[in-house]
Amino acid sequence: MRYLVNYFWAIFWALIMFVLMIMPSNEVGIPLFEGFDKLAHCGTFFVLTVLLYWGSIIKSKRRASKWITVIKVLISTVIFAFITEGAQLYFAPTRTSDWWDIFADVVGIGMGTFAYILYYQKREF
C-alpha cells in the first residue's frame, strides 16, 4: 500500500495520459501548430518520468541506487510508450500511431532522466 502512496501522482498522471492518448483526435482539440502532437508526447512523458523519479526518491528516503532507479524507470516508461502507441492503433481509429510519437516519448523520458541525474550529480553512481 505504501508503494501506491509513493507513486500516486505518477500513476494518476499515467492514467490521464492513457485516456487522452486513446481518445478520438477530434475530441482532444485542434493543435496550435504543426508538431504540437510531438511536443505534447515529449512533455507528458517528461512529467511522467519526473514523477516516477520523485516517487522513488520518496520511497527510498534518498538512499536508492541511482543506476537501479534509472534502469527501472527507463524500462517502465519506454514500455508504457509502446503500450500507448499500440492502444492508439487498436482502440482509437481516428488516431494515428507512428514511430515519431515513440521517438518524442523517448526524448521526454531522456529529459526527465537527465534532470534526475543532474539532481543527484554530487552523489556517486
N, C-alpha and C. Protein backbone atom coordinates (compact mmCIF):
# COMPACT_ATOMS: atom_id res chain seq x y z
N MET A 1 0.83 -1.20 0.00
CA MET A 1 0.00 0.00 0.00
C MET A 1 0.86 1.25 0.00
N ARG A 2 1.96 1.20 0.77
CA ARG A 2 2.85 2.36 0.84
C ARG A 2 3.44 2.66 -0.55
N TYR A 3 3.65 1.61 -1.33
CA TYR A 3 4.17 1.75 -2.68
C TYR A 3 3.24 2.62 -3.52
N LEU A 4 1.95 2.36 -3.43
CA LEU A 4 0.97 3.14 -4.18
C LEU A 4 0.92 4.58 -3.72
N VAL A 5 1.11 4.80 -2.44
CA VAL A 5 1.11 6.17 -1.91
C VAL A 5 2.30 6.94 -2.47
N ASN A 6 3.46 6.31 -2.50
CA ASN A 6 4.66 6.99 -3.00
C ASN A 6 4.57 7.33 -4.49
N TYR A 7 3.91 6.48 -5.23
CA TYR A 7 3.80 6.68 -6.68
C TYR A 7 2.41 7.14 -7.11
N PHE A 8 1.63 7.69 -6.20
CA PHE A 8 0.26 8.08 -6.52
C PHE A 8 0.20 9.05 -7.69
N TRP A 9 0.99 10.11 -7.66
CA TRP A 9 0.92 11.12 -8.72
C TRP A 9 1.39 10.57 -10.06
N ALA A 10 2.37 9.70 -10.04
CA ALA A 10 2.83 9.10 -11.30
C ALA A 10 1.76 8.19 -11.88
N ILE A 11 1.11 7.40 -11.04
CA ILE A 11 0.03 6.52 -11.50
C ILE A 11 -1.15 7.34 -12.01
N PHE A 12 -1.50 8.37 -11.27
CA PHE A 12 -2.60 9.26 -11.67
C PHE A 12 -2.30 9.91 -13.02
N TRP A 13 -1.08 10.41 -13.18
CA TRP A 13 -0.68 11.05 -14.44
C TRP A 13 -0.68 10.04 -15.59
N ALA A 14 -0.22 8.82 -15.35
CA ALA A 14 -0.20 7.79 -16.38
C ALA A 14 -1.62 7.46 -16.84
N LEU A 15 -2.56 7.40 -15.91
CA LEU A 15 -3.96 7.14 -16.27
C LEU A 15 -4.52 8.28 -17.11
N ILE A 16 -4.23 9.51 -16.73
CA ILE A 16 -4.69 10.67 -17.52
C ILE A 16 -4.08 10.62 -18.92
N MET A 17 -2.78 10.33 -19.00
CA MET A 17 -2.11 10.24 -20.30
C MET A 17 -2.76 9.17 -21.17
N PHE A 18 -3.00 8.01 -20.59
CA PHE A 18 -3.55 6.91 -21.36
C PHE A 18 -4.92 7.27 -21.90
N VAL A 19 -5.76 7.86 -21.08
CA VAL A 19 -7.11 8.24 -21.53
C VAL A 19 -7.01 9.28 -22.64
N LEU A 20 -6.16 10.29 -22.47
CA LEU A 20 -6.03 11.32 -23.50
C LEU A 20 -5.47 10.77 -24.81
N MET A 21 -4.59 9.78 -24.71
CA MET A 21 -3.97 9.25 -25.92
C MET A 21 -4.86 8.28 -26.68
N ILE A 22 -5.89 7.73 -26.04
CA ILE A 22 -6.78 6.85 -26.79
C ILE A 22 -8.10 7.52 -27.15
N MET A 23 -8.28 8.77 -26.73
CA MET A 23 -9.49 9.50 -27.13
C MET A 23 -9.43 9.79 -28.62
N PRO A 24 -10.58 9.85 -29.27
CA PRO A 24 -10.58 10.24 -30.68
C PRO A 24 -9.96 11.62 -30.85
N SER A 25 -9.23 11.80 -31.92
CA SER A 25 -8.47 13.04 -32.10
C SER A 25 -9.37 14.27 -32.21
N ASN A 26 -10.60 14.11 -32.69
CA ASN A 26 -11.47 15.27 -32.81
C ASN A 26 -12.00 15.74 -31.45
N GLU A 27 -11.90 14.90 -30.42
CA GLU A 27 -12.34 15.30 -29.08
C GLU A 27 -11.21 15.92 -28.26
N VAL A 28 -9.98 15.67 -28.64
CA VAL A 28 -8.84 16.18 -27.89
C VAL A 28 -8.67 17.67 -28.14
N GLY A 29 -8.89 18.12 -29.33
CA GLY A 29 -8.73 19.53 -29.66
C GLY A 29 -7.88 19.71 -30.90
N ILE A 30 -7.85 20.91 -31.38
CA ILE A 30 -7.08 21.23 -32.59
C ILE A 30 -5.68 21.66 -32.17
N PRO A 31 -4.65 21.09 -32.78
CA PRO A 31 -3.29 21.52 -32.42
C PRO A 31 -3.06 22.97 -32.79
N LEU A 32 -2.25 23.63 -31.98
CA LEU A 32 -1.97 25.04 -32.22
C LEU A 32 -1.03 25.25 -33.40
N PHE A 33 -0.17 24.28 -33.66
CA PHE A 33 0.79 24.36 -34.76
C PHE A 33 1.19 22.94 -35.14
N GLU A 34 1.79 22.82 -36.31
CA GLU A 34 2.23 21.50 -36.74
C GLU A 34 3.36 21.02 -35.83
N GLY A 35 3.28 19.81 -35.40
CA GLY A 35 4.26 19.28 -34.47
C GLY A 35 3.83 19.39 -33.02
N PHE A 36 2.66 19.97 -32.79
CA PHE A 36 2.16 20.10 -31.41
C PHE A 36 1.98 18.74 -30.77
N ASP A 37 1.57 17.76 -31.57
CA ASP A 37 1.38 16.40 -31.07
C ASP A 37 2.69 15.83 -30.51
N LYS A 38 3.78 16.04 -31.22
CA LYS A 38 5.08 15.53 -30.75
C LYS A 38 5.53 16.25 -29.49
N LEU A 39 5.27 17.54 -29.43
CA LEU A 39 5.60 18.31 -28.23
C LEU A 39 4.79 17.84 -27.03
N ALA A 40 3.52 17.52 -27.27
CA ALA A 40 2.66 17.01 -26.20
C ALA A 40 3.15 15.64 -25.73
N HIS A 41 3.54 14.78 -26.64
CA HIS A 41 4.09 13.48 -26.26
C HIS A 41 5.35 13.65 -25.41
N CYS A 42 6.25 14.50 -25.87
CA CYS A 42 7.50 14.72 -25.16
C CYS A 42 7.23 15.28 -23.76
N GLY A 43 6.37 16.25 -23.67
CA GLY A 43 6.07 16.88 -22.39
C GLY A 43 5.38 15.96 -21.40
N THR A 44 4.42 15.18 -21.89
CA THR A 44 3.71 14.30 -20.97
C THR A 44 4.61 13.19 -20.44
N PHE A 45 5.49 12.67 -21.29
CA PHE A 45 6.40 11.64 -20.82
C PHE A 45 7.51 12.21 -19.94
N PHE A 46 7.88 13.46 -20.16
CA PHE A 46 8.82 14.12 -19.25
C PHE A 46 8.21 14.20 -17.85
N VAL A 47 6.97 14.65 -17.78
CA VAL A 47 6.30 14.77 -16.48
C VAL A 47 6.16 13.40 -15.82
N LEU A 48 5.76 12.38 -16.58
CA LEU A 48 5.63 11.04 -16.03
C LEU A 48 6.97 10.54 -15.48
N THR A 49 8.04 10.75 -16.22
CA THR A 49 9.36 10.30 -15.79
C THR A 49 9.79 11.01 -14.51
N VAL A 50 9.60 12.31 -14.45
CA VAL A 50 9.97 13.06 -13.25
C VAL A 50 9.14 12.59 -12.05
N LEU A 51 7.85 12.35 -12.26
CA LEU A 51 7.02 11.86 -11.16
C LEU A 51 7.46 10.48 -10.67
N LEU A 52 7.87 9.62 -11.58
CA LEU A 52 8.37 8.31 -11.17
C LEU A 52 9.67 8.43 -10.39
N TYR A 53 10.57 9.31 -10.83
CA TYR A 53 11.81 9.51 -10.08
C TYR A 53 11.50 10.12 -8.71
N TRP A 54 10.56 11.04 -8.66
CA TRP A 54 10.19 11.65 -7.38
C TRP A 54 9.62 10.59 -6.43
N GLY A 55 8.79 9.70 -6.94
CA GLY A 55 8.26 8.62 -6.12
C GLY A 55 9.36 7.70 -5.60
N SER A 56 10.36 7.44 -6.43
CA SER A 56 11.46 6.58 -5.98
C SER A 56 12.32 7.29 -4.93
N ILE A 57 12.47 8.59 -5.05
CA ILE A 57 13.22 9.36 -4.05
C ILE A 57 12.49 9.31 -2.71
N ILE A 58 11.18 9.52 -2.75
CA ILE A 58 10.38 9.50 -1.53
C ILE A 58 10.41 8.09 -0.91
N LYS A 59 10.23 7.08 -1.75
CA LYS A 59 10.18 5.69 -1.27
C LYS A 59 11.48 5.28 -0.59
N SER A 60 12.60 5.67 -1.16
CA SER A 60 13.89 5.21 -0.64
C SER A 60 14.49 6.17 0.38
N LYS A 61 13.81 7.27 0.65
CA LYS A 61 14.33 8.28 1.58
C LYS A 61 15.73 8.74 1.15
N ARG A 62 15.87 8.94 -0.15
CA ARG A 62 17.10 9.44 -0.79
C ARG A 62 18.30 8.52 -0.65
N ARG A 63 18.05 7.22 -0.49
CA ARG A 63 19.15 6.28 -0.37
C ARG A 63 19.16 5.26 -1.51
N ALA A 64 18.37 5.44 -2.50
CA ALA A 64 18.29 4.45 -3.59
C ALA A 64 19.53 4.52 -4.47
N SER A 65 19.85 3.39 -5.05
CA SER A 65 20.92 3.34 -6.03
C SER A 65 20.44 4.04 -7.30
N LYS A 66 21.21 4.99 -7.77
CA LYS A 66 20.78 5.75 -8.94
C LYS A 66 20.65 4.87 -10.17
N TRP A 67 21.61 3.98 -10.39
CA TRP A 67 21.58 3.17 -11.60
C TRP A 67 20.37 2.24 -11.62
N ILE A 68 20.08 1.61 -10.52
CA ILE A 68 18.93 0.71 -10.48
C ILE A 68 17.64 1.49 -10.71
N THR A 69 17.53 2.66 -10.08
CA THR A 69 16.36 3.50 -10.25
C THR A 69 16.22 3.95 -11.70
N VAL A 70 17.32 4.39 -12.29
CA VAL A 70 17.30 4.84 -13.69
C VAL A 70 16.87 3.71 -14.61
N ILE A 71 17.42 2.53 -14.42
CA ILE A 71 17.08 1.40 -15.29
C ILE A 71 15.60 1.04 -15.15
N LYS A 72 15.10 0.98 -13.91
CA LYS A 72 13.68 0.65 -13.70
C LYS A 72 12.76 1.67 -14.36
N VAL A 73 13.07 2.95 -14.16
CA VAL A 73 12.20 3.99 -14.73
C VAL A 73 12.30 4.00 -16.25
N LEU A 74 13.49 3.87 -16.79
CA LEU A 74 13.64 3.85 -18.25
C LEU A 74 12.86 2.69 -18.88
N ILE A 75 13.01 1.52 -18.33
CA ILE A 75 12.32 0.36 -18.89
C ILE A 75 10.82 0.51 -18.78
N SER A 76 10.33 0.93 -17.62
CA SER A 76 8.87 1.04 -17.44
C SER A 76 8.26 2.13 -18.31
N THR A 77 8.94 3.26 -18.47
CA THR A 77 8.35 4.34 -19.27
C THR A 77 8.42 4.04 -20.77
N VAL A 78 9.49 3.38 -21.22
CA VAL A 78 9.57 3.01 -22.64
C VAL A 78 8.50 1.96 -22.96
N ILE A 79 8.30 1.01 -22.08
CA ILE A 79 7.23 0.03 -22.28
C ILE A 79 5.88 0.73 -22.32
N PHE A 80 5.67 1.69 -21.43
CA PHE A 80 4.41 2.44 -21.42
C PHE A 80 4.23 3.23 -22.72
N ALA A 81 5.33 3.76 -23.27
CA ALA A 81 5.25 4.47 -24.55
C ALA A 81 4.76 3.55 -25.66
N PHE A 82 5.29 2.33 -25.70
CA PHE A 82 4.84 1.36 -26.71
C PHE A 82 3.39 0.94 -26.47
N ILE A 83 3.01 0.81 -25.21
CA ILE A 83 1.62 0.44 -24.89
C ILE A 83 0.65 1.52 -25.35
N THR A 84 0.99 2.79 -25.11
CA THR A 84 0.09 3.86 -25.53
C THR A 84 -0.03 3.94 -27.04
N GLU A 85 1.08 3.73 -27.73
CA GLU A 85 1.01 3.74 -29.20
C GLU A 85 0.23 2.55 -29.73
N GLY A 86 0.40 1.39 -29.12
CA GLY A 86 -0.38 0.22 -29.51
C GLY A 86 -1.86 0.42 -29.23
N ALA A 87 -2.18 1.06 -28.12
CA ALA A 87 -3.58 1.34 -27.79
C ALA A 87 -4.18 2.31 -28.79
N GLN A 88 -3.39 3.28 -29.22
CA GLN A 88 -3.90 4.20 -30.25
C GLN A 88 -4.18 3.46 -31.55
N LEU A 89 -3.35 2.51 -31.86
CA LEU A 89 -3.51 1.75 -33.09
C LEU A 89 -4.77 0.91 -33.07
N TYR A 90 -5.10 0.31 -31.92
CA TYR A 90 -6.21 -0.63 -31.86
C TYR A 90 -7.51 -0.05 -31.29
N PHE A 91 -7.42 0.91 -30.38
CA PHE A 91 -8.62 1.40 -29.71
C PHE A 91 -9.09 2.77 -30.18
N ALA A 92 -8.28 3.50 -30.88
CA ALA A 92 -8.66 4.83 -31.34
C ALA A 92 -8.50 4.91 -32.85
N PRO A 93 -9.54 4.56 -33.60
CA PRO A 93 -9.40 4.52 -35.06
C PRO A 93 -9.10 5.87 -35.70
N THR A 94 -9.45 6.97 -35.02
CA THR A 94 -9.17 8.29 -35.61
C THR A 94 -7.78 8.78 -35.28
N ARG A 95 -7.07 8.08 -34.38
CA ARG A 95 -5.72 8.47 -34.01
C ARG A 95 -4.72 7.68 -34.84
N THR A 96 -3.57 8.26 -35.05
CA THR A 96 -2.53 7.55 -35.79
C THR A 96 -1.42 7.16 -34.83
N SER A 97 -0.86 6.01 -35.09
CA SER A 97 0.26 5.51 -34.29
C SER A 97 1.48 5.49 -35.18
N ASP A 98 2.53 6.18 -34.76
CA ASP A 98 3.74 6.16 -35.59
C ASP A 98 4.99 6.16 -34.71
N TRP A 99 6.11 5.89 -35.36
CA TRP A 99 7.39 5.79 -34.66
C TRP A 99 7.86 7.14 -34.15
N TRP A 100 7.45 8.22 -34.80
CA TRP A 100 7.87 9.55 -34.35
C TRP A 100 7.25 9.90 -33.01
N ASP A 101 6.05 9.39 -32.74
CA ASP A 101 5.46 9.59 -31.42
C ASP A 101 6.28 8.88 -30.35
N ILE A 102 6.72 7.66 -30.65
CA ILE A 102 7.55 6.93 -29.70
C ILE A 102 8.89 7.64 -29.52
N PHE A 103 9.42 8.18 -30.60
CA PHE A 103 10.67 8.94 -30.50
C PHE A 103 10.48 10.16 -29.60
N ALA A 104 9.37 10.88 -29.76
CA ALA A 104 9.09 12.04 -28.91
C ALA A 104 8.92 11.61 -27.46
N ASP A 105 8.27 10.46 -27.25
CA ASP A 105 8.12 9.92 -25.89
C ASP A 105 9.50 9.66 -25.27
N VAL A 106 10.38 9.03 -26.02
CA VAL A 106 11.71 8.68 -25.52
C VAL A 106 12.53 9.95 -25.26
N VAL A 107 12.35 10.97 -26.07
CA VAL A 107 13.04 12.24 -25.82
C VAL A 107 12.58 12.82 -24.48
N GLY A 108 11.29 12.80 -24.22
CA GLY A 108 10.77 13.28 -22.93
C GLY A 108 11.29 12.44 -21.77
N ILE A 109 11.37 11.14 -21.96
CA ILE A 109 11.91 10.24 -20.94
C ILE A 109 13.39 10.57 -20.69
N GLY A 110 14.12 10.80 -21.76
CA GLY A 110 15.53 11.17 -21.62
C GLY A 110 15.72 12.50 -20.90
N MET A 111 14.86 13.45 -21.18
CA MET A 111 14.94 14.75 -20.50
C MET A 111 14.68 14.59 -19.00
N GLY A 112 13.70 13.78 -18.64
CA GLY A 112 13.40 13.53 -17.23
C GLY A 112 14.55 12.81 -16.53
N THR A 113 15.15 11.86 -17.23
CA THR A 113 16.28 11.13 -16.67
C THR A 113 17.48 12.04 -16.49
N PHE A 114 17.71 12.90 -17.45
CA PHE A 114 18.80 13.87 -17.35
C PHE A 114 18.59 14.80 -16.15
N ALA A 115 17.36 15.23 -15.94
CA ALA A 115 17.06 16.09 -14.79
C ALA A 115 17.33 15.35 -13.48
N TYR A 116 16.96 14.08 -13.42
CA TYR A 116 17.21 13.26 -12.23
C TYR A 116 18.70 13.11 -11.97
N ILE A 117 19.46 12.85 -13.01
CA ILE A 117 20.91 12.68 -12.85
C ILE A 117 21.55 13.99 -12.41
N LEU A 118 21.11 15.12 -12.96
CA LEU A 118 21.63 16.41 -12.52
C LEU A 118 21.28 16.69 -11.07
N TYR A 119 20.11 16.27 -10.67
CA TYR A 119 19.67 16.48 -9.29
C TYR A 119 20.58 15.74 -8.31
N TYR A 120 21.06 14.59 -8.72
CA TYR A 120 21.90 13.78 -7.87
C TYR A 120 23.36 13.77 -8.34
N GLN A 121 23.83 14.82 -8.96
CA GLN A 121 25.18 14.82 -9.52
C GLN A 121 26.29 14.74 -8.47
N LYS A 122 26.05 15.15 -7.27
CA LYS A 122 27.09 15.13 -6.25
C LYS A 122 27.23 13.76 -5.60
N ARG A 123 26.22 12.92 -5.73
CA ARG A 123 26.30 11.57 -5.19
C ARG A 123 26.92 10.65 -6.22
N GLU A 124 27.56 9.62 -5.78
CA GLU A 124 28.21 8.67 -6.68
C GLU A 124 27.21 7.74 -7.31
N PHE A 125 27.51 7.32 -8.54
CA PHE A 125 26.70 6.31 -9.20
C PHE A 125 27.08 5.02 -8.58
